Amino acid sequence: MSEIPAAPMDRILRNKGAERVSFEAAKHFSEELECIANNIAEDAINICTYSKRKTINKSDIEFAVKNFKKKYM
């Protein structure tokens, strides 16, 4: 089960032009985005740990997102 509610996923899809969105589609979209978020979070934590810090900074997230995009986009 995803931590991200399906309703915001429905709104995102509708804002991008979807006329109708099934609950299953919104739920699946939520699960996929959570998987991506978990990958980025793990990378940001590794960056923070490598830097011998306990607090994740915005720059850690930015770097993790940049790495994610290089790998998968």
PDB file of N, CA and C in Angstrom:
ATOM      1  N   MET A   1       0.845  -1.183   0.000  1.00  0.00           N
ATOM      2  CA  MET A   1       0.000   0.000   0.000  1.00  0.00           C
ATOM      3  C   MET A   1       0.885   1.239   0.000  1.00  0.00           C
ATOM      4  N   SER A   2       0.497   2.199  -0.767  1.00  0.00           N
ATOM      5  CA  SER A   2       1.275   3.413  -0.938  1.00  0.00           C
ATOM      6  C   SER A   2       0.991   4.436   0.157  1.00  0.00           C
ATOM      7  N   GLU A   3       2.009   5.199   0.491  1.00  0.00           N
ATOM      8  CA  GLU A   3       1.868   6.292   1.445  1.00  0.00           C
ATOM      9  C   GLU A   3       1.235   7.527   0.783  1.00  0.00           C
ATOM     10  N   ILE A   4       1.319   7.592  -0.531  1.00  0.00           N
ATOM     11  CA  ILE A   4       0.805   8.732  -1.280  1.00  0.00           C
ATOM     12  C   ILE A   4      -0.654   8.447  -1.652  1.00  0.00           C
ATOM     13  N   PRO A   5      -1.588   9.309  -1.255  1.00  0.00           N
ATOM     14  CA  PRO A   5      -3.003   9.070  -1.573  1.00  0.00           C
ATOM     15  C   PRO A   5      -3.278   9.102  -3.084  1.00  0.00           C
ATOM     16  N   ALA A   6      -4.296   8.375  -3.493  1.00  0.00           N
ATOM     17  CA  ALA A   6      -4.647   8.288  -4.905  1.00  0.00           C
ATOM     18  C   ALA A   6      -5.287   9.580  -5.426  1.00  0.00           C
ATOM     19  N   ALA A   7      -5.989  10.314  -4.573  1.00  0.00           N
ATOM     20  CA  ALA A   7      -6.690  11.524  -5.028  1.00  0.00           C
ATOM     21  C   ALA A   7      -5.761  12.563  -5.662  1.00  0.00           C
ATOM     22  N   PRO A   8      -4.608  12.865  -5.061  1.00  0.00           N
ATOM     23  CA  PRO A   8      -3.706  13.810  -5.738  1.00  0.00           C
ATOM     24  C   PRO A   8      -3.185  13.292  -7.077  1.00  0.00           C
ATOM     25  N   MET A   9      -3.035  11.978  -7.181  1.00  0.00           N
ATOM     26  CA  MET A   9      -2.587  11.387  -8.443  1.00  0.00           C
ATOM     27  C   MET A   9      -3.662  11.563  -9.516  1.00  0.00           C
ATOM     28  N   ASP A  10      -4.905  11.399  -9.111  1.00  0.00           N
ATOM     29  CA  ASP A  10      -6.034  11.631 -10.012  1.00  0.00           C
ATOM     30  C   ASP A  10      -6.003  13.070 -10.524  1.00  0.00           C
ATOM     31  N   ARG A  11      -5.797  14.023  -9.602  1.00  0.00           N
ATOM     32  CA  ARG A  11      -5.747  15.447  -9.988  1.00  0.00           C
ATOM     33  C   ARG A  11      -4.597  15.729 -10.943  1.00  0.00           C
ATOM     34  N   ILE A  12      -3.430  15.136 -10.682  1.00  0.00           N
ATOM     35  CA  ILE A  12      -2.280  15.344 -11.569  1.00  0.00           C
ATOM     36  C   ILE A  12      -2.609  14.852 -12.972  1.00  0.00           C
ATOM     37  N   LEU A  13      -3.164  13.662 -13.066  1.00  0.00           N
ATOM     38  CA  LEU A  13      -3.503  13.110 -14.379  1.00  0.00           C
ATOM     39  C   LEU A  13      -4.564  13.943 -15.084  1.00  0.00           C
ATOM     40  N   ARG A  14      -5.558  14.403 -14.345  1.00  0.00           N
ATOM     41  CA  ARG A  14      -6.605  15.246 -14.946  1.00  0.00           C
ATOM     42  C   ARG A  14      -6.049  16.607 -15.373  1.00  0.00           C
ATOM     43  N   ASN A  15      -5.161  17.172 -14.556  1.00  0.00           N
ATOM     44  CA  ASN A  15      -4.547  18.458 -14.915  1.00  0.00           C
ATOM     45  C   ASN A  15      -3.703  18.353 -16.179  1.00  0.00           C
ATOM     46  N   LYS A  16      -3.201  17.164 -16.450  1.00  0.00           N
ATOM     47  CA  LYS A  16      -2.399  16.941 -17.659  1.00  0.00           C
ATOM     48  C   LYS A  16      -3.259  16.578 -18.862  1.00  0.00           C
ATOM     49  N   GLY A  17      -4.577  16.487 -18.658  1.00  0.00           N
ATOM     50  CA  GLY A  17      -5.461  16.297 -19.789  1.00  0.00           C
ATOM     51  C   GLY A  17      -6.291  15.032 -19.797  1.00  0.00           C
ATOM     52  N   ALA A  18      -6.129  14.174 -18.789  1.00  0.00           N
ATOM     53  CA  ALA A  18      -6.945  12.962 -18.752  1.00  0.00           C
ATOM     54  C   ALA A  18      -8.399  13.340 -18.479  1.00  0.00           C
ATOM     55  N   GLU A  19      -9.298  12.776 -19.263  1.00  0.00           N
ATOM     56  CA  GLU A  19     -10.717  13.072 -19.083  1.00  0.00           C
ATOM     57  C   GLU A  19     -11.286  12.308 -17.888  1.00  0.00           C
ATOM     58  N   ARG A  20     -10.900  11.027 -17.803  1.00  0.00           N
ATOM     59  CA  ARG A  20     -11.351  10.195 -16.690  1.00  0.00           C
ATOM     60  C   ARG A  20     -10.166   9.363 -16.211  1.00  0.00           C
ATOM     61  N   VAL A  21     -10.137   9.085 -14.905  1.00  0.00           N
ATOM     62  CA  VAL A  21      -9.056   8.285 -14.317  1.00  0.00           C
ATOM     63  C   VAL A  21      -9.685   7.267 -13.374  1.00  0.00           C
ATOM     64  N   SER A  22      -9.396   5.995 -13.599  1.00  0.00           N
ATOM     65  CA  SER A  22      -9.922   4.968 -12.696  1.00  0.00           C
ATOM     66  C   SER A  22      -9.152   5.014 -11.378  1.00  0.00           C
ATOM     67  N   PHE A  23      -9.793   4.533 -10.332  1.00  0.00           N
ATOM     68  CA  PHE A  23      -9.137   4.487  -9.029  1.00  0.00           C
ATOM     69  C   PHE A  23      -7.894   3.607  -9.099  1.00  0.00           C
ATOM     70  N   GLU A  24      -7.981   2.488  -9.832  1.00  0.00           N
ATOM     71  CA  GLU A  24      -6.845   1.583  -9.954  1.00  0.00           C
ATOM     72  C   GLU A  24      -5.664   2.263 -10.635  1.00  0.00           C
ATOM     73  N   ALA A  25      -5.941   3.092 -11.643  1.00  0.00           N
ATOM     74  CA  ALA A  25      -4.873   3.812 -12.340  1.00  0.00           C
ATOM     75  C   ALA A  25      -4.217   4.821 -11.410  1.00  0.00           C
ATOM     76  N   ALA A  26      -5.017   5.571 -10.661  1.00  0.00           N
ATOM     77  CA  ALA A  26      -4.483   6.560  -9.728  1.00  0.00           C
ATOM     78  C   ALA A  26      -3.668   5.873  -8.636  1.00  0.00           C
ATOM     79  N   LYS A  27      -4.160   4.731  -8.165  1.00  0.00           N
ATOM     80  CA  LYS A  27      -3.460   3.966  -7.126  1.00  0.00           C
ATOM     81  C   LYS A  27      -2.126   3.444  -7.653  1.00  0.00           C
ATOM     82  N   HIS A  28      -2.130   2.906  -8.863  1.00  0.00           N
ATOM     83  CA  HIS A  28      -0.889   2.388  -9.463  1.00  0.00           C
ATOM     84  C   HIS A  28       0.113   3.517  -9.695  1.00  0.00           C
ATOM     85  N   PHE A  29      -0.370   4.647 -10.167  1.00  0.00           N
ATOM     86  CA  PHE A  29       0.479   5.820 -10.373  1.00  0.00           C
ATOM     87  C   PHE A  29       1.125   6.225  -9.046  1.00  0.00           C
ATOM     88  N   SER A  30       0.342   6.203  -7.991  1.00  0.00           N
ATOM     89  CA  SER A  30       0.823   6.520  -6.651  1.00  0.00           C
ATOM     90  C   SER A  30       1.929   5.565  -6.218  1.00  0.00           C
ATOM     91  N   GLU A  31       1.732   4.283  -6.446  1.00  0.00           N
ATOM     92  CA  GLU A  31       2.724   3.272  -6.068  1.00  0.00           C
ATOM     93  C   GLU A  31       4.017   3.443  -6.845  1.00  0.00           C
ATOM     94  N   GLU A  32       3.908   3.748  -8.128  1.00  0.00           N
ATOM     95  CA  GLU A  32       5.102   3.952  -8.953  1.00  0.00           C
ATOM     96  C   GLU A  32       5.877   5.193  -8.515  1.00  0.00           C
ATOM     97  N   LEU A  33       5.153   6.273  -8.220  1.00  0.00           N
ATOM     98  CA  LEU A  33       5.824   7.492  -7.759  1.00  0.00           C
ATOM     99  C   LEU A  33       6.488   7.280  -6.410  1.00  0.00           C
ATOM    100  N   GLU A  34       5.866   6.481  -5.562  1.00  0.00           N
ATOM    101  CA  GLU A  34       6.466   6.188  -4.264  1.00  0.00           C
ATOM    102  C   GLU A  34       7.764   5.396  -4.439  1.00  0.00           C
ATOM    103  N   CYS A  35       7.792   4.489  -5.387  1.00  0.00           N
ATOM    104  CA  CYS A  35       9.003   3.724  -5.676  1.00  0.00           C
ATOM    105  C   CYS A  35      10.131   4.654  -6.128  1.00  0.00           C
ATOM    106  N   ILE A  36       9.799   5.589  -6.998  1.00  0.00           N
ATOM    107  CA  ILE A  36      10.781   6.580  -7.465  1.00  0.00           C
ATOM    108  C   ILE A  36      11.259   7.423  -6.288  1.00  0.00           C
ATOM    109  N   ALA A  37      10.322   7.870  -5.449  1.00  0.00           N
ATOM    110  CA  ALA A  37      10.677   8.687  -4.287  1.00  0.00           C
ATOM    111  C   ALA A  37      11.583   7.916  -3.335  1.00  0.00           C
ATOM    112  N   ASN A  38      11.321   6.626  -3.153  1.00  0.00           N
ATOM    113  CA  ASN A  38      12.168   5.811  -2.282  1.00  0.00           C
ATOM    114  C   ASN A  38      13.589   5.699  -2.824  1.00  0.00           C
ATOM    115  N   ASN A  39      13.730   5.536  -4.136  1.00  0.00           N
ATOM    116  CA  ASN A  39      15.059   5.483  -4.746  1.00  0.00           C
ATOM    117  C   ASN A  39      15.818   6.783  -4.539  1.00  0.00           C
ATOM    118  N   ILE A  40      15.137   7.895  -4.731  1.00  0.00           N
ATOM    119  CA  ILE A  40      15.767   9.207  -4.544  1.00  0.00           C
ATOM    120  C   ILE A  40      16.131   9.413  -3.076  1.00  0.00           C
ATOM    121  N   ALA A  41      15.244   9.010  -2.176  1.00  0.00           N
ATOM    122  CA  ALA A  41      15.512   9.151  -0.742  1.00  0.00           C
ATOM    123  C   ALA A  41      16.731   8.339  -0.326  1.00  0.00           C
ATOM    124  N   GLU A  42      16.825   7.098  -0.797  1.00  0.00           N
ATOM    125  CA  GLU A  42      17.979   6.260  -0.465  1.00  0.00           C
ATOM    126  C   GLU A  42      19.275   6.892  -0.947  1.00  0.00           C
ATOM    127  N   ASP A  43      19.260   7.411  -2.161  1.00  0.00           N
ATOM    128  CA  ASP A  43      20.450   8.059  -2.709  1.00  0.00           C
ATOM    129  C   ASP A  43      20.813   9.296  -1.886  1.00  0.00           C
ATOM    130  N   ALA A  44      19.821  10.094  -1.526  1.00  0.00           N
ATOM    131  CA  ALA A  44      20.078  11.298  -0.721  1.00  0.00           C
ATOM    132  C   ALA A  44      20.650  10.923   0.649  1.00  0.00           C
ATOM    133  N   ILE A  45      20.140   9.860   1.248  1.00  0.00           N
ATOM    134  CA  ILE A  45      20.659   9.397   2.538  1.00  0.00           C
ATOM    135  C   ILE A  45      22.106   8.940   2.397  1.00  0.00           C
ATOM    136  N   ASN A  46      22.407   8.227   1.316  1.00  0.00           N
ATOM    137  CA  ASN A  46      23.789   7.788   1.082  1.00  0.00           C
ATOM    138  C   ASN A  46      24.733   8.980   0.913  1.00  0.00           C
ATOM    139  N   ILE A  47      24.285   9.992   0.205  1.00  0.00           N
ATOM    140  CA  ILE A  47      25.090  11.204   0.008  1.00  0.00           C
ATOM    141  C   ILE A  47      25.345  11.868   1.357  1.00  0.00           C
ATOM    142  N   CYS A  48      24.305  11.989   2.146  1.00  0.00           N
ATOM    143  CA  CYS A  48      24.403  12.607   3.469  1.00  0.00           C
ATOM    144  C   CYS A  48      25.358  11.809   4.368  1.00  0.00           C
ATOM    145  N   THR A  49      25.208  10.501   4.376  1.00  0.00           N
ATOM    146  CA  THR A  49      26.061   9.640   5.195  1.00  0.00           C
ATOM    147  C   THR A  49      27.516   9.731   4.754  1.00  0.00           C
ATOM    148  N   TYR A  50      27.738   9.716   3.446  1.00  0.00           N
ATOM    149  CA  TYR A  50      29.092   9.832   2.906  1.00  0.00           C
ATOM    150  C   TYR A  50      29.741  11.143   3.344  1.00  0.00           C
ATOM    151  N   SER A  51      28.931  12.199   3.441  1.00  0.00           N
ATOM    152  CA  SER A  51      29.433  13.514   3.856  1.00  0.00           C
ATOM    153  C   SER A  51      29.544  13.638   5.373  1.00  0.00           C
ATOM    154  N   LYS A  52      29.267  12.541   6.082  1.00  0.00           N
ATOM    155  CA  LYS A  52      29.340  12.492   7.546  1.00  0.00           C
ATOM    156  C   LYS A  52      28.421  13.510   8.205  1.00  0.00           C
ATOM    157  N   ARG A  53      27.204  13.600   7.650  1.00  0.00           N
ATOM    158  CA  ARG A  53      26.181  14.473   8.220  1.00  0.00           C
ATOM    159  C   ARG A  53      24.977  13.636   8.596  1.00  0.00           C
ATOM    160  N   LYS A  54      24.132  14.185   9.467  1.00  0.00           N
ATOM    161  CA  LYS A  54      22.899  13.517   9.867  1.00  0.00           C
ATOM    162  C   LYS A  54      21.674  14.162   9.230  1.00  0.00           C
ATOM    163  N   THR A  55      21.806  15.403   8.784  1.00  0.00           N
ATOM    164  CA  THR A  55      20.685  16.148   8.216  1.00  0.00           C
ATOM    165  C   THR A  55      20.773  16.150   6.696  1.00  0.00           C
ATOM    166  N   ILE A  56      19.690  15.722   6.068  1.00  0.00           N
ATOM    167  CA  ILE A  56      19.623  15.766   4.607  1.00  0.00           C
ATOM    168  C   ILE A  56      19.302  17.190   4.188  1.00  0.00           C
ATOM    169  N   ASN A  57      20.105  17.713   3.292  1.00  0.00           N
ATOM    170  CA  ASN A  57      19.926  19.078   2.788  1.00  0.00           C
ATOM    171  C   ASN A  57      19.230  19.059   1.431  1.00  0.00           C
ATOM    172  N   LYS A  58      18.766  20.220   1.048  1.00  0.00           N
ATOM    173  CA  LYS A  58      18.141  20.375  -0.268  1.00  0.00           C
ATOM    174  C   LYS A  58      19.105  19.934  -1.365  1.00  0.00           C
ATOM    175  N   SER A  59      20.375  20.259  -1.205  1.00  0.00           N
ATOM    176  CA  SER A  59      21.368  19.902  -2.219  1.00  0.00           C
ATOM    177  C   SER A  59      21.519  18.382  -2.356  1.00  0.00           C
ATOM    178  N   ASP A  60      21.325  17.636  -1.259  1.00  0.00           N
ATOM    179  CA  ASP A  60      21.368  16.172  -1.323  1.00  0.00           C
ATOM    180  C   ASP A  60      20.234  15.648  -2.196  1.00  0.00           C
ATOM    181  N   ILE A  61      19.054  16.205  -2.005  1.00  0.00           N
ATOM    182  CA  ILE A  61      17.892  15.810  -2.812  1.00  0.00           C
ATOM    183  C   ILE A  61      18.115  16.178  -4.272  1.00  0.00           C
ATOM    184  N   GLU A  62      18.599  17.389  -4.507  1.00  0.00           N
ATOM    185  CA  GLU A  62      18.851  17.833  -5.882  1.00  0.00           C
ATOM    186  C   GLU A  62      19.847  16.911  -6.571  1.00  0.00           C
ATOM    187  N   PHE A  63      20.920  16.553  -5.869  1.00  0.00           N
ATOM    188  CA  PHE A  63      21.928  15.671  -6.442  1.00  0.00           C
ATOM    189  C   PHE A  63      21.349  14.282  -6.696  1.00  0.00           C
ATOM    190  N   ALA A  64      20.549  13.780  -5.765  1.00  0.00           N
ATOM    191  CA  ALA A  64      19.927  12.468  -5.919  1.00  0.00           C
ATOM    192  C   ALA A  64      18.964  12.453  -7.112  1.00  0.00           C
ATOM    193  N   VAL A  65      18.201  13.520  -7.281  1.00  0.00           N
ATOM    194  CA  VAL A  65      17.284  13.620  -8.427  1.00  0.00           C
ATOM    195  C   VAL A  65      18.078  13.651  -9.738  1.00  0.00           C
ATOM    196  N   LYS A  66      19.162  14.414  -9.729  1.00  0.00           N
ATOM    197  CA  LYS A  66      20.011  14.507 -10.916  1.00  0.00           C
ATOM    198  C   LYS A  66      20.566  13.125 -11.277  1.00  0.00           C
ATOM    199  N   ASN A  67      21.025  12.380 -10.269  1.00  0.00           N
ATOM    200  CA  ASN A  67      21.523  11.025 -10.500  1.00  0.00           C
ATOM    201  C   ASN A  67      20.427  10.108 -11.021  1.00  0.00           C
ATOM    202  N   PHE A  68      19.221  10.232 -10.472  1.00  0.00           N
ATOM    203  CA  PHE A  68      18.087   9.419 -10.903  1.00  0.00           C
ATOM    204  C   PHE A  68      17.781   9.693 -12.363  1.00  0.00           C
ATOM    205  N   LYS A  69      17.760  10.952 -12.740  1.00  0.00           N
ATOM    206  CA  LYS A  69      17.463  11.313 -14.129  1.00  0.00           C
ATOM    207  C   LYS A  69      18.523  10.778 -15.076  1.00  0.00           C
ATOM    208  N   LYS A  70      19.793  10.815 -14.659  1.00  0.00           N
ATOM    209  CA  LYS A  70      20.870  10.278 -15.508  1.00  0.00           C
ATOM    210  C   LYS A  70      20.694   8.782 -15.724  1.00  0.00           C
ATOM    211  N   LYS A  71      20.276   8.069 -14.679  1.00  0.00           N
ATOM    212  CA  LYS A  71      20.138   6.615 -14.766  1.00  0.00           C
ATOM    213  C   LYS A  71      18.928   6.198 -15.584  1.00  0.00           C
ATOM    214  N   TYR A  72      17.811   6.892 -15.399  1.00  0.00           N
ATOM    215  CA  TYR A  72      16.548   6.372 -15.920  1.00  0.00           C
ATOM    216  C   TYR A  72      15.876   7.229 -16.975  1.00  0.00           C
ATOM    217  N   MET A  73      16.397   8.382 -17.276  1.00  0.00           N
ATOM    218  CA  MET A  73      15.705   9.236 -18.254  1.00  0.00           C
ATOM    219  C   MET A  73      16.600   9.550 -19.416  1.00  0.00           C
TER     220      MET A  73
END
